[in-house]
């Protein structure tokens, strides 16, 4: 799942003026921020035993493991948390850039 940024927000953030490598780096950083926030929210909603299970999984997972896919498959609410974090990021970015 790749977050989609509407054209108005892309203009406000200056994405439309970036070259492809700058866009890729920006989207990678942005995606990381959003995913970190979503994982944080998920962890806060879980019991300590579930958090311990996730920590053990992440520690044991090979570098090539798609941990994002694991969260989506294992925790059905994770999809909606990610979508909410994308919307929150877009709203905050628009607010900050518009000031």
Protein backbone atom coordinates (compact mmCIF):
# COMPACT_ATOMS: atom_id res chain seq x y z
CA UNK A 1 0.00 0.00 0.00
CA UNK A 2 1.43 3.34 -0.99
CA UNK A 3 -0.10 6.45 0.47
CA UNK A 4 -1.46 8.75 -2.18
CA UNK A 5 -0.87 12.46 -1.85
CA UNK A 6 -3.40 14.68 -3.54
CA UNK A 7 -2.06 17.20 -6.05
CA UNK A 8 -2.81 20.22 -3.85
CA UNK A 9 -0.81 18.79 -0.97
CA UNK A 10 1.96 17.77 -3.35
CA UNK A 11 2.17 21.35 -4.56
CA UNK A 12 2.15 22.73 -1.01
CA UNK A 13 4.98 20.40 -0.02
CA UNK A 14 6.93 21.17 -3.18
CA UNK A 15 6.87 17.56 -4.34
CA UNK A 16 5.92 18.63 -7.84
CA UNK A 17 9.27 20.46 -8.10
CA UNK A 18 11.39 17.52 -6.92
CA UNK A 19 13.29 15.23 -9.24
CA UNK A 20 12.53 11.50 -9.10
CA UNK A 21 15.24 10.63 -6.56
CA UNK A 22 14.14 13.48 -4.26
CA UNK A 23 10.52 12.36 -4.54
CA UNK A 24 11.49 8.79 -3.74
CA UNK A 25 13.53 9.88 -0.70
CA UNK A 26 10.71 12.17 0.50
CA UNK A 27 8.07 9.46 0.14
CA UNK A 28 10.31 6.92 1.86
CA UNK A 29 10.82 9.26 4.85
CA UNK A 30 7.14 10.15 4.93
CA UNK A 31 6.09 6.52 4.72
CA UNK A 32 8.46 5.65 7.54
CA UNK A 33 6.99 8.37 9.75
CA UNK A 34 3.45 7.18 9.05
CA UNK A 35 4.25 3.51 9.59
CA UNK A 36 6.11 4.26 12.83
CA UNK A 37 3.08 6.20 14.10
CA UNK A 38 0.71 3.41 13.08
CA UNK A 39 2.84 0.73 14.75
CA UNK A 40 3.03 2.86 17.89
CA UNK A 41 -0.75 3.13 17.99
CA UNK A 42 -1.13 -0.59 17.40
CA UNK A 43 1.30 -1.44 20.20
CA UNK A 44 -0.57 0.84 22.61
CA UNK A 45 -3.79 -1.04 21.86
CA UNK A 46 -2.33 -4.49 22.58
CA UNK A 47 -1.81 -6.50 25.73
CA UNK A 48 1.80 -6.79 26.98
CA UNK A 49 1.95 -10.45 25.89
CA UNK A 50 1.00 -9.47 22.35
CA UNK A 51 3.66 -6.75 22.31
CA UNK A 52 6.24 -9.28 23.50
CA UNK A 53 5.19 -11.61 20.67
CA UNK A 54 5.66 -8.81 18.12
CA UNK A 55 9.07 -7.92 19.53
CA UNK A 56 10.16 -11.57 19.31
CA UNK A 57 8.86 -11.81 15.73
CA UNK A 58 10.61 -8.61 14.61
CA UNK A 59 13.87 -9.64 16.31
CA UNK A 60 13.80 -13.05 14.62
CA UNK A 61 12.55 -11.92 11.20
CA UNK A 62 15.09 -11.94 8.38
CA UNK A 63 15.97 -8.62 6.72
CA UNK A 64 13.89 -9.58 3.69
CA UNK A 65 10.75 -10.22 5.74
CA UNK A 66 7.86 -7.88 4.95
CA UNK A 67 6.95 -6.85 8.47
CA UNK A 68 4.31 -4.43 7.19
CA UNK A 69 2.51 -7.34 5.50
CA UNK A 70 2.79 -9.31 8.74
CA UNK A 71 1.04 -6.52 10.67
CA UNK A 72 -1.71 -6.26 8.04
CA UNK A 73 -2.29 -10.02 8.08
CA UNK A 74 -2.04 -10.53 11.83
CA UNK A 75 -3.84 -7.41 13.10
CA UNK A 76 -6.93 -6.54 11.04
CA UNK A 77 -7.25 -3.10 12.66
CA UNK A 78 -3.78 -2.14 11.44
CA UNK A 79 -5.08 -1.20 7.97
CA UNK A 80 -7.49 1.37 9.38
CA UNK A 81 -4.82 2.69 11.76
CA UNK A 82 -2.49 3.26 8.80
CA UNK A 83 -5.25 4.98 6.83
CA UNK A 84 -5.99 7.25 9.80
CA UNK A 85 -2.30 8.09 10.15
CA UNK A 86 -2.06 8.94 6.42
CA UNK A 87 -5.06 11.27 6.76
CA UNK A 88 -3.59 12.84 9.90
CA UNK A 89 -0.25 13.37 8.17
CA UNK A 90 -1.93 15.00 5.19
CA UNK A 91 -3.98 17.29 7.43
CA UNK A 92 -0.97 18.28 9.55
CA UNK A 93 1.24 18.83 6.50
CA UNK A 94 -1.40 21.03 4.89
CA UNK A 95 -1.77 23.02 8.12
CA UNK A 96 1.98 23.51 8.58
CA UNK A 97 2.68 24.45 4.97
CA UNK A 98 -0.28 26.83 4.84
CA UNK A 99 0.83 28.84 7.88
